[in-house]
Amino acid sequence: MSSVRNRFVWPLVVWTLVVWVPRIRNVWSDDDLSTAGQVGRTLLATSFVVSALVVARVSWHARSRAFTSRERGAVLGLAA
């Protein structure tokens, strides 16, 4: 049963990466943004990318067992 729940985490990780990784390129190609605006938006996008990578790592390590409470918190944090 734990692998079933774990399997549903991967679409969340992939979707997050598909949405936020290109956003970083888009931010830096937008000439209307100031440097501070570009940095702020890059930090926001990076926070989602890093969260997705952490959840991917957690999901990979928990592929044959149930999530611990800390791992579940990481997944819920990304989903929120």
PDB file of N, CA and C in Angstrom:
ATOM      1  N   MET A   1       0.810  -1.198   0.000  1.00  0.00           N
ATOM      2  CA  MET A   1       0.000   0.000   0.000  1.00  0.00           C
ATOM      3  C   MET A   1       0.855   1.264   0.000  1.00  0.00           C
ATOM      4  N   SER A   2       2.010   1.211   0.645  1.00  0.00           N
ATOM      5  CA  SER A   2       2.863   2.408   0.694  1.00  0.00           C
ATOM      6  C   SER A   2       3.368   2.782  -0.687  1.00  0.00           C
ATOM      7  N   SER A   3       3.646   1.789  -1.539  1.00  0.00           N
ATOM      8  CA  SER A   3       4.145   2.105  -2.867  1.00  0.00           C
ATOM      9  C   SER A   3       3.072   2.781  -3.724  1.00  0.00           C
ATOM     10  N   VAL A   4       1.808   2.498  -3.451  1.00  0.00           N
ATOM     11  CA  VAL A   4       0.737   3.141  -4.197  1.00  0.00           C
ATOM     12  C   VAL A   4       0.728   4.633  -3.882  1.00  0.00           C
ATOM     13  N   ARG A   5       0.808   4.984  -2.618  1.00  0.00           N
ATOM     14  CA  ARG A   5       0.842   6.399  -2.241  1.00  0.00           C
ATOM     15  C   ARG A   5       2.105   7.055  -2.774  1.00  0.00           C
ATOM     16  N   ASN A   6       3.203   6.360  -2.710  1.00  0.00           N
ATOM     17  CA  ASN A   6       4.467   6.885  -3.197  1.00  0.00           C
ATOM     18  C   ASN A   6       4.391   7.149  -4.703  1.00  0.00           C
ATOM     19  N   ARG A   7       3.718   6.287  -5.427  1.00  0.00           N
ATOM     20  CA  ARG A   7       3.593   6.424  -6.867  1.00  0.00           C
ATOM     21  C   ARG A   7       2.858   7.704  -7.255  1.00  0.00           C
ATOM     22  N   PHE A   8       1.929   8.143  -6.440  1.00  0.00           N
ATOM     23  CA  PHE A   8       1.168   9.352  -6.741  1.00  0.00           C
ATOM     24  C   PHE A   8       1.950  10.630  -6.479  1.00  0.00           C
ATOM     25  N   VAL A   9       3.088  10.519  -5.851  1.00  0.00           N
ATOM     26  CA  VAL A   9       3.918  11.694  -5.591  1.00  0.00           C
ATOM     27  C   VAL A   9       4.676  12.104  -6.854  1.00  0.00           C
ATOM     28  N   TRP A  10       5.038  11.155  -7.685  1.00  0.00           N
ATOM     29  CA  TRP A  10       5.838  11.455  -8.869  1.00  0.00           C
ATOM     30  C   TRP A  10       5.174  12.424  -9.844  1.00  0.00           C
ATOM     31  N   PRO A  11       3.874  12.317 -10.110  1.00  0.00           N
ATOM     32  CA  PRO A  11       3.268  13.337 -10.978  1.00  0.00           C
ATOM     33  C   PRO A  11       3.370  14.750 -10.400  1.00  0.00           C
ATOM     34  N   LEU A  12       3.266  14.876  -9.091  1.00  0.00           N
ATOM     35  CA  LEU A  12       3.430  16.187  -8.445  1.00  0.00           C
ATOM     36  C   LEU A  12       4.840  16.715  -8.667  1.00  0.00           C
ATOM     37  N   VAL A  13       5.831  15.869  -8.507  1.00  0.00           N
ATOM     38  CA  VAL A  13       7.227  16.276  -8.710  1.00  0.00           C
ATOM     39  C   VAL A  13       7.455  16.692 -10.161  1.00  0.00           C
ATOM     40  N   VAL A  14       7.007  15.874 -11.094  1.00  0.00           N
ATOM     41  CA  VAL A  14       7.216  16.171 -12.513  1.00  0.00           C
ATOM     42  C   VAL A  14       6.493  17.457 -12.902  1.00  0.00           C
ATOM     43  N   TRP A  15       5.259  17.605 -12.476  1.00  0.00           N
ATOM     44  CA  TRP A  15       4.495  18.805 -12.817  1.00  0.00           C
ATOM     45  C   TRP A  15       5.177  20.057 -12.258  1.00  0.00           C
ATOM     46  N   THR A  16       5.646  19.982 -11.034  1.00  0.00           N
ATOM     47  CA  THR A  16       6.325  21.129 -10.430  1.00  0.00           C
ATOM     48  C   THR A  16       7.561  21.508 -11.234  1.00  0.00           C
ATOM     49  N   LEU A  17       8.343  20.532 -11.638  1.00  0.00           N
ATOM     50  CA  LEU A  17       9.545  20.819 -12.421  1.00  0.00           C
ATOM     51  C   LEU A  17       9.202  21.358 -13.804  1.00  0.00           C
ATOM     52  N   VAL A  18       8.166  20.810 -14.423  1.00  0.00           N
ATOM     53  CA  VAL A  18       7.759  21.269 -15.758  1.00  0.00           C
ATOM     54  C   VAL A  18       7.289  22.723 -15.712  1.00  0.00           C
ATOM     55  N   VAL A  19       6.645  23.105 -14.637  1.00  0.00           N
ATOM     56  CA  VAL A  19       6.120  24.465 -14.531  1.00  0.00           C
ATOM     57  C   VAL A  19       7.197  25.463 -14.124  1.00  0.00           C
ATOM     58  N   TRP A  20       8.040  25.122 -13.156  1.00  0.00           N
ATOM     59  CA  TRP A  20       8.925  26.119 -12.547  1.00  0.00           C
ATOM     60  C   TRP A  20      10.312  26.219 -13.170  1.00  0.00           C
ATOM     61  N   VAL A  21      10.833  25.167 -13.764  1.00  0.00           N
ATOM     62  CA  VAL A  21      12.166  25.268 -14.380  1.00  0.00           C
ATOM     63  C   VAL A  21      12.150  26.234 -15.572  1.00  0.00           C
ATOM     64  N   PRO A  22      11.193  26.138 -16.484  1.00  0.00           N
ATOM     65  CA  PRO A  22      11.174  27.113 -17.586  1.00  0.00           C
ATOM     66  C   PRO A  22      10.904  28.543 -17.112  1.00  0.00           C
ATOM     67  N   ARG A  23      10.251  28.667 -15.979  1.00  0.00           N
ATOM     68  CA  ARG A  23       9.963  29.998 -15.437  1.00  0.00           C
ATOM     69  C   ARG A  23      11.249  30.773 -15.162  1.00  0.00           C
ATOM     70  N   ILE A  24      12.296  30.089 -14.737  1.00  0.00           N
ATOM     71  CA  ILE A  24      13.569  30.757 -14.456  1.00  0.00           C
ATOM     72  C   ILE A  24      14.132  31.377 -15.735  1.00  0.00           C
ATOM     73  N   ARG A  25      14.090  30.638 -16.827  1.00  0.00           N
ATOM     74  CA  ARG A  25      14.561  31.184 -18.104  1.00  0.00           C
ATOM     75  C   ARG A  25      13.697  32.358 -18.543  1.00  0.00           C
ATOM     76  N   ASN A  26      12.388  32.220 -18.362  1.00  0.00           N
ATOM     77  CA  ASN A  26      11.479  33.295 -18.755  1.00  0.00           C
ATOM     78  C   ASN A  26      11.726  34.568 -17.967  1.00  0.00           C
ATOM     79  N   VAL A  27      12.030  34.436 -16.689  1.00  0.00           N
ATOM     80  CA  VAL A  27      12.285  35.606 -15.848  1.00  0.00           C
ATOM     81  C   VAL A  27      13.500  36.368 -16.360  1.00  0.00           C
ATOM     82  N   TRP A  28      14.553  35.659 -16.687  1.00  0.00           N
ATOM     83  CA  TRP A  28      15.794  36.325 -17.100  1.00  0.00           C
ATOM     84  C   TRP A  28      15.757  36.818 -18.546  1.00  0.00           C
ATOM     85  N   SER A  29      14.768  36.384 -19.313  1.00  0.00           N
ATOM     86  CA  SER A  29      14.635  36.907 -20.674  1.00  0.00           C
ATOM     87  C   SER A  29      13.629  38.062 -20.749  1.00  0.00           C
ATOM     88  N   ASP A  30      13.003  38.416 -19.624  1.00  0.00           N
ATOM     89  CA  ASP A  30      12.034  39.513 -19.571  1.00  0.00           C
ATOM     90  C   ASP A  30      12.768  40.829 -19.328  1.00  0.00           C
ATOM     91  N   ASP A  31      12.859  41.653 -20.361  1.00  0.00           N
ATOM     92  CA  ASP A  31      13.583  42.923 -20.266  1.00  0.00           C
ATOM     93  C   ASP A  31      12.841  43.978 -19.458  1.00  0.00           C
ATOM     94  N   ASP A  32      11.567  43.768 -19.191  1.00  0.00           N
ATOM     95  CA  ASP A  32      10.784  44.735 -18.427  1.00  0.00           C
ATOM     96  C   ASP A  32      11.016  44.631 -16.926  1.00  0.00           C
ATOM     97  N   LEU A  33      11.620  43.548 -16.467  1.00  0.00           N
ATOM     98  CA  LEU A  33      11.868  43.368 -15.037  1.00  0.00           C
ATOM     99  C   LEU A  33      13.205  43.978 -14.642  1.00  0.00           C
ATOM    100  N   SER A  34      13.229  44.570 -13.455  1.00  0.00           N
ATOM    101  CA  SER A  34      14.503  45.046 -12.917  1.00  0.00           C
ATOM    102  C   SER A  34      15.310  43.840 -12.450  1.00  0.00           C
ATOM    103  N   THR A  35      16.554  44.079 -12.144  1.00  0.00           N
ATOM    104  CA  THR A  35      17.403  42.983 -11.646  1.00  0.00           C
ATOM    105  C   THR A  35      16.852  42.441 -10.337  1.00  0.00           C
ATOM    106  N   ALA A  36      16.386  43.346  -9.462  1.00  0.00           N
ATOM    107  CA  ALA A  36      15.805  42.906  -8.187  1.00  0.00           C
ATOM    108  C   ALA A  36      14.558  42.053  -8.437  1.00  0.00           C
ATOM    109  N   GLY A  37      13.746  42.442  -9.410  1.00  0.00           N
ATOM    110  CA  GLY A  37      12.565  41.656  -9.752  1.00  0.00           C
ATOM    111  C   GLY A  37      12.933  40.297 -10.296  1.00  0.00           C
ATOM    112  N   GLN A  38      13.974  40.268 -11.113  1.00  0.00           N
ATOM    113  CA  GLN A  38      14.426  38.988 -11.658  1.00  0.00           C
ATOM    114  C   GLN A  38      14.962  38.082 -10.556  1.00  0.00           C
ATOM    115  N   VAL A  39      15.737  38.645  -9.645  1.00  0.00           N
ATOM    116  CA  VAL A  39      16.300  37.839  -8.553  1.00  0.00           C
ATOM    117  C   VAL A  39      15.182  37.306  -7.657  1.00  0.00           C
ATOM    118  N   GLY A  40      14.224  38.166  -7.321  1.00  0.00           N
ATOM    119  CA  GLY A  40      13.122  37.734  -6.464  1.00  0.00           C
ATOM    120  C   GLY A  40      12.308  36.617  -7.086  1.00  0.00           C
ATOM    121  N   ARG A  41      11.989  36.769  -8.353  1.00  0.00           N
ATOM    122  CA  ARG A  41      11.209  35.734  -9.039  1.00  0.00           C
ATOM    123  C   ARG A  41      12.019  34.453  -9.233  1.00  0.00           C
ATOM    124  N   THR A  42      13.316  34.599  -9.433  1.00  0.00           N
ATOM    125  CA  THR A  42      14.177  33.414  -9.555  1.00  0.00           C
ATOM    126  C   THR A  42      14.239  32.664  -8.231  1.00  0.00           C
ATOM    127  N   LEU A  43      14.325  33.395  -7.127  1.00  0.00           N
ATOM    128  CA  LEU A  43      14.341  32.743  -5.814  1.00  0.00           C
ATOM    129  C   LEU A  43      13.037  31.995  -5.555  1.00  0.00           C
ATOM    130  N   LEU A  44      11.920  32.592  -5.945  1.00  0.00           N
ATOM    131  CA  LEU A  44      10.635  31.916  -5.783  1.00  0.00           C
ATOM    132  C   LEU A  44      10.598  30.625  -6.601  1.00  0.00           C
ATOM    133  N   ALA A  45      10.969  30.709  -7.869  1.00  0.00           N
ATOM    134  CA  ALA A  45      10.963  29.520  -8.725  1.00  0.00           C
ATOM    135  C   ALA A  45      11.937  28.465  -8.209  1.00  0.00           C
ATOM    136  N   THR A  46      13.096  28.913  -7.763  1.00  0.00           N
ATOM    137  CA  THR A  46      14.103  27.986  -7.237  1.00  0.00           C
ATOM    138  C   THR A  46      13.595  27.267  -5.996  1.00  0.00           C
ATOM    139  N   SER A  47      12.828  27.956  -5.165  1.00  0.00           N
ATOM    140  CA  SER A  47      12.291  27.303  -3.968  1.00  0.00           C
ATOM    141  C   SER A  47      11.377  26.136  -4.342  1.00  0.00           C
ATOM    142  N   PHE A  48      10.600  26.294  -5.405  1.00  0.00           N
ATOM    143  CA  PHE A  48       9.738  25.200  -5.848  1.00  0.00           C
ATOM    144  C   PHE A  48      10.550  24.066  -6.472  1.00  0.00           C
ATOM    145  N   VAL A  49      11.561  24.401  -7.235  1.00  0.00           N
ATOM    146  CA  VAL A  49      12.401  23.380  -7.865  1.00  0.00           C
ATOM    147  C   VAL A  49      13.133  22.569  -6.798  1.00  0.00           C
ATOM    148  N   VAL A  50      13.707  23.248  -5.822  1.00  0.00           N
ATOM    149  CA  VAL A  50      14.417  22.555  -4.746  1.00  0.00           C
ATOM    150  C   VAL A  50      13.448  21.675  -3.953  1.00  0.00           C
ATOM    151  N   SER A  51      12.254  22.199  -3.666  1.00  0.00           N
ATOM    152  CA  SER A  51      11.262  21.396  -2.947  1.00  0.00           C
ATOM    153  C   SER A  51      10.896  20.143  -3.731  1.00  0.00           C
ATOM    154  N   ALA A  52      10.728  20.282  -5.033  1.00  0.00           N
ATOM    155  CA  ALA A  52      10.397  19.123  -5.865  1.00  0.00           C
ATOM    156  C   ALA A  52      11.528  18.099  -5.854  1.00  0.00           C
ATOM    157  N   LEU A  53      12.767  18.568  -5.896  1.00  0.00           N
ATOM    158  CA  LEU A  53      13.903  17.645  -5.861  1.00  0.00           C
ATOM    159  C   LEU A  53      14.009  16.940  -4.517  1.00  0.00           C
ATOM    160  N   VAL A  54      13.711  17.646  -3.439  1.00  0.00           N
ATOM    161  CA  VAL A  54      13.721  17.025  -2.101  1.00  0.00           C
ATOM    162  C   VAL A  54      12.641  15.954  -2.025  1.00  0.00           C
ATOM    163  N   VAL A  55      11.462  16.268  -2.507  1.00  0.00           N
ATOM    164  CA  VAL A  55      10.367  15.288  -2.484  1.00  0.00           C
ATOM    165  C   VAL A  55      10.688  14.097  -3.387  1.00  0.00           C
ATOM    166  N   ALA A  56      11.339  14.333  -4.513  1.00  0.00           N
ATOM    167  CA  ALA A  56      11.746  13.221  -5.382  1.00  0.00           C
ATOM    168  C   ALA A  56      12.720  12.307  -4.655  1.00  0.00           C
ATOM    169  N   ARG A  57      13.669  12.901  -3.951  1.00  0.00           N
ATOM    170  CA  ARG A  57      14.637  12.100  -3.196  1.00  0.00           C
ATOM    171  C   ARG A  57      13.939  11.312  -2.086  1.00  0.00           C
ATOM    172  N   VAL A  58      13.045  11.969  -1.367  1.00  0.00           N
ATOM    173  CA  VAL A  58      12.296  11.307  -0.296  1.00  0.00           C
ATOM    174  C   VAL A  58      11.479  10.150  -0.870  1.00  0.00           C
ATOM    175  N   SER A  59      10.809  10.410  -1.971  1.00  0.00           N
ATOM    176  CA  SER A  59       9.975   9.382  -2.583  1.00  0.00           C
ATOM    177  C   SER A  59      10.815   8.200  -3.074  1.00  0.00           C
ATOM    178  N   TRP A  60      11.980   8.492  -3.615  1.00  0.00           N
ATOM    179  CA  TRP A  60      12.856   7.419  -4.089  1.00  0.00           C
ATOM    180  C   TRP A  60      13.324   6.548  -2.929  1.00  0.00           C
ATOM    181  N   HIS A  61      13.711   7.174  -1.824  1.00  0.00           N
ATOM    182  CA  HIS A  61      14.196   6.406  -0.681  1.00  0.00           C
ATOM    183  C   HIS A  61      13.074   5.652   0.032  1.00  0.00           C
ATOM    184  N   ALA A  62      11.849   6.113  -0.105  1.00  0.00           N
ATOM    185  CA  ALA A  62      10.721   5.465   0.572  1.00  0.00           C
ATOM    186  C   ALA A  62       9.921   4.594  -0.388  1.00  0.00           C
ATOM    187  N   ARG A  63      10.521   4.193  -1.488  1.00  0.00           N
ATOM    188  CA  ARG A  63       9.757   3.468  -2.512  1.00  0.00           C
ATOM    189  C   ARG A  63       9.278   2.099  -2.050  1.00  0.00           C
ATOM    190  N   SER A  64       9.895   1.515  -1.052  1.00  0.00           N
ATOM    191  CA  SER A  64       9.477   0.186  -0.604  1.00  0.00           C
ATOM    192  C   SER A  64       8.927   0.184   0.818  1.00  0.00           C
ATOM    193  N   ARG A  65       8.604   1.369   1.318  1.00  0.00           N
ATOM    194  CA  ARG A  65       8.052   1.464   2.676  1.00  0.00           C
ATOM    195  C   ARG A  65       7.146   2.689   2.752  1.00  0.00           C
ATOM    196  N   ALA A  66       6.455   2.794   3.865  1.00  0.00           N
ATOM    197  CA  ALA A  66       5.581   3.950   4.081  1.00  0.00           C
ATOM    198  C   ALA A  66       6.429   5.174   4.410  1.00  0.00           C
ATOM    199  N   PHE A  67       5.893   6.348   4.108  1.00  0.00           N
ATOM    200  CA  PHE A  67       6.576   7.584   4.458  1.00  0.00           C
ATOM    201  C   PHE A  67       6.628   7.761   5.968  1.00  0.00           C
ATOM    202  N   THR A  68       7.750   8.292   6.460  1.00  0.00           N
ATOM    203  CA  THR A  68       7.814   8.692   7.861  1.00  0.00           C
ATOM    204  C   THR A  68       7.070  10.013   7.999  1.00  0.00           C
ATOM    205  N   SER A  69       6.859  10.464   9.218  1.00  0.00           N
ATOM    206  CA  SER A  69       6.124  11.719   9.411  1.00  0.00           C
ATOM    207  C   SER A  69       6.889  12.901   8.809  1.00  0.00           C
ATOM    208  N   ARG A  70       8.204  12.889   8.906  1.00  0.00           N
ATOM    209  CA  ARG A  70       9.007  13.966   8.326  1.00  0.00           C
ATOM    210  C   ARG A  70       8.917  13.943   6.793  1.00  0.00           C
ATOM    211  N   GLU A  71       8.980  12.759   6.212  1.00  0.00           N
ATOM    212  CA  GLU A  71       8.860  12.636   4.761  1.00  0.00           C
ATOM    213  C   GLU A  71       7.470  13.056   4.291  1.00  0.00           C
ATOM    214  N   ARG A  72       6.463  12.656   5.033  1.00  0.00           N
ATOM    215  CA  ARG A  72       5.104  13.054   4.703  1.00  0.00           C
ATOM    216  C   ARG A  72       4.963  14.575   4.767  1.00  0.00           C
ATOM    217  N   GLY A  73       5.640  15.205   5.730  1.00  0.00           N
ATOM    218  CA  GLY A  73       5.630  16.654   5.838  1.00  0.00           C
ATOM    219  C   GLY A  73       6.256  17.326   4.629  1.00  0.00           C
ATOM    220  N   ALA A  74       7.323  16.753   4.094  1.00  0.00           N
ATOM    221  CA  ALA A  74       7.966  17.303   2.900  1.00  0.00           C
ATOM    222  C   ALA A  74       7.029  17.226   1.702  1.00  0.00           C
ATOM    223  N   VAL A  75       6.356  16.121   1.550  1.00  0.00           N
ATOM    224  CA  VAL A  75       5.413  15.945   0.435  1.00  0.00           C
ATOM    225  C   VAL A  75       4.248  16.925   0.579  1.00  0.00           C
ATOM    226  N   LEU A  76       3.699  17.017   1.768  1.00  0.00           N
ATOM    227  CA  LEU A  76       2.575  17.924   1.995  1.00  0.00           C
ATOM    228  C   LEU A  76       2.996  19.380   1.819  1.00  0.00           C
ATOM    229  N   GLY A  77       4.236  19.698   2.187  1.00  0.00           N
ATOM    230  CA  GLY A  77       4.739  21.059   1.994  1.00  0.00           C
ATOM    231  C   GLY A  77       4.790  21.436   0.525  1.00  0.00           C
ATOM    232  N   LEU A  78       5.226  20.529  -0.316  1.00  0.00           N
ATOM    233  CA  LEU A  78       5.246  20.797  -1.757  1.00  0.00           C
ATOM    234  C   LEU A  78       3.830  20.878  -2.308  1.00  0.00           C
ATOM    235  N   ALA A  79       2.964  19.978  -1.849  1.00  0.00           N
ATOM    236  CA  ALA A  79       1.597  19.986  -2.346  1.00  0.00           C
ATOM    237  C   ALA A  79       0.849  21.250  -1.933  1.00  0.00           C
ATOM    238  N   ALA A  80       1.179  21.766  -0.771  1.00  0.00           N
ATOM    239  CA  ALA A  80       0.497  22.992  -0.291  1.00  0.00           C
ATOM    240  C   ALA A  80       0.919  24.159  -1.134  1.00  0.00           C
TER     241      ALA A  80
END
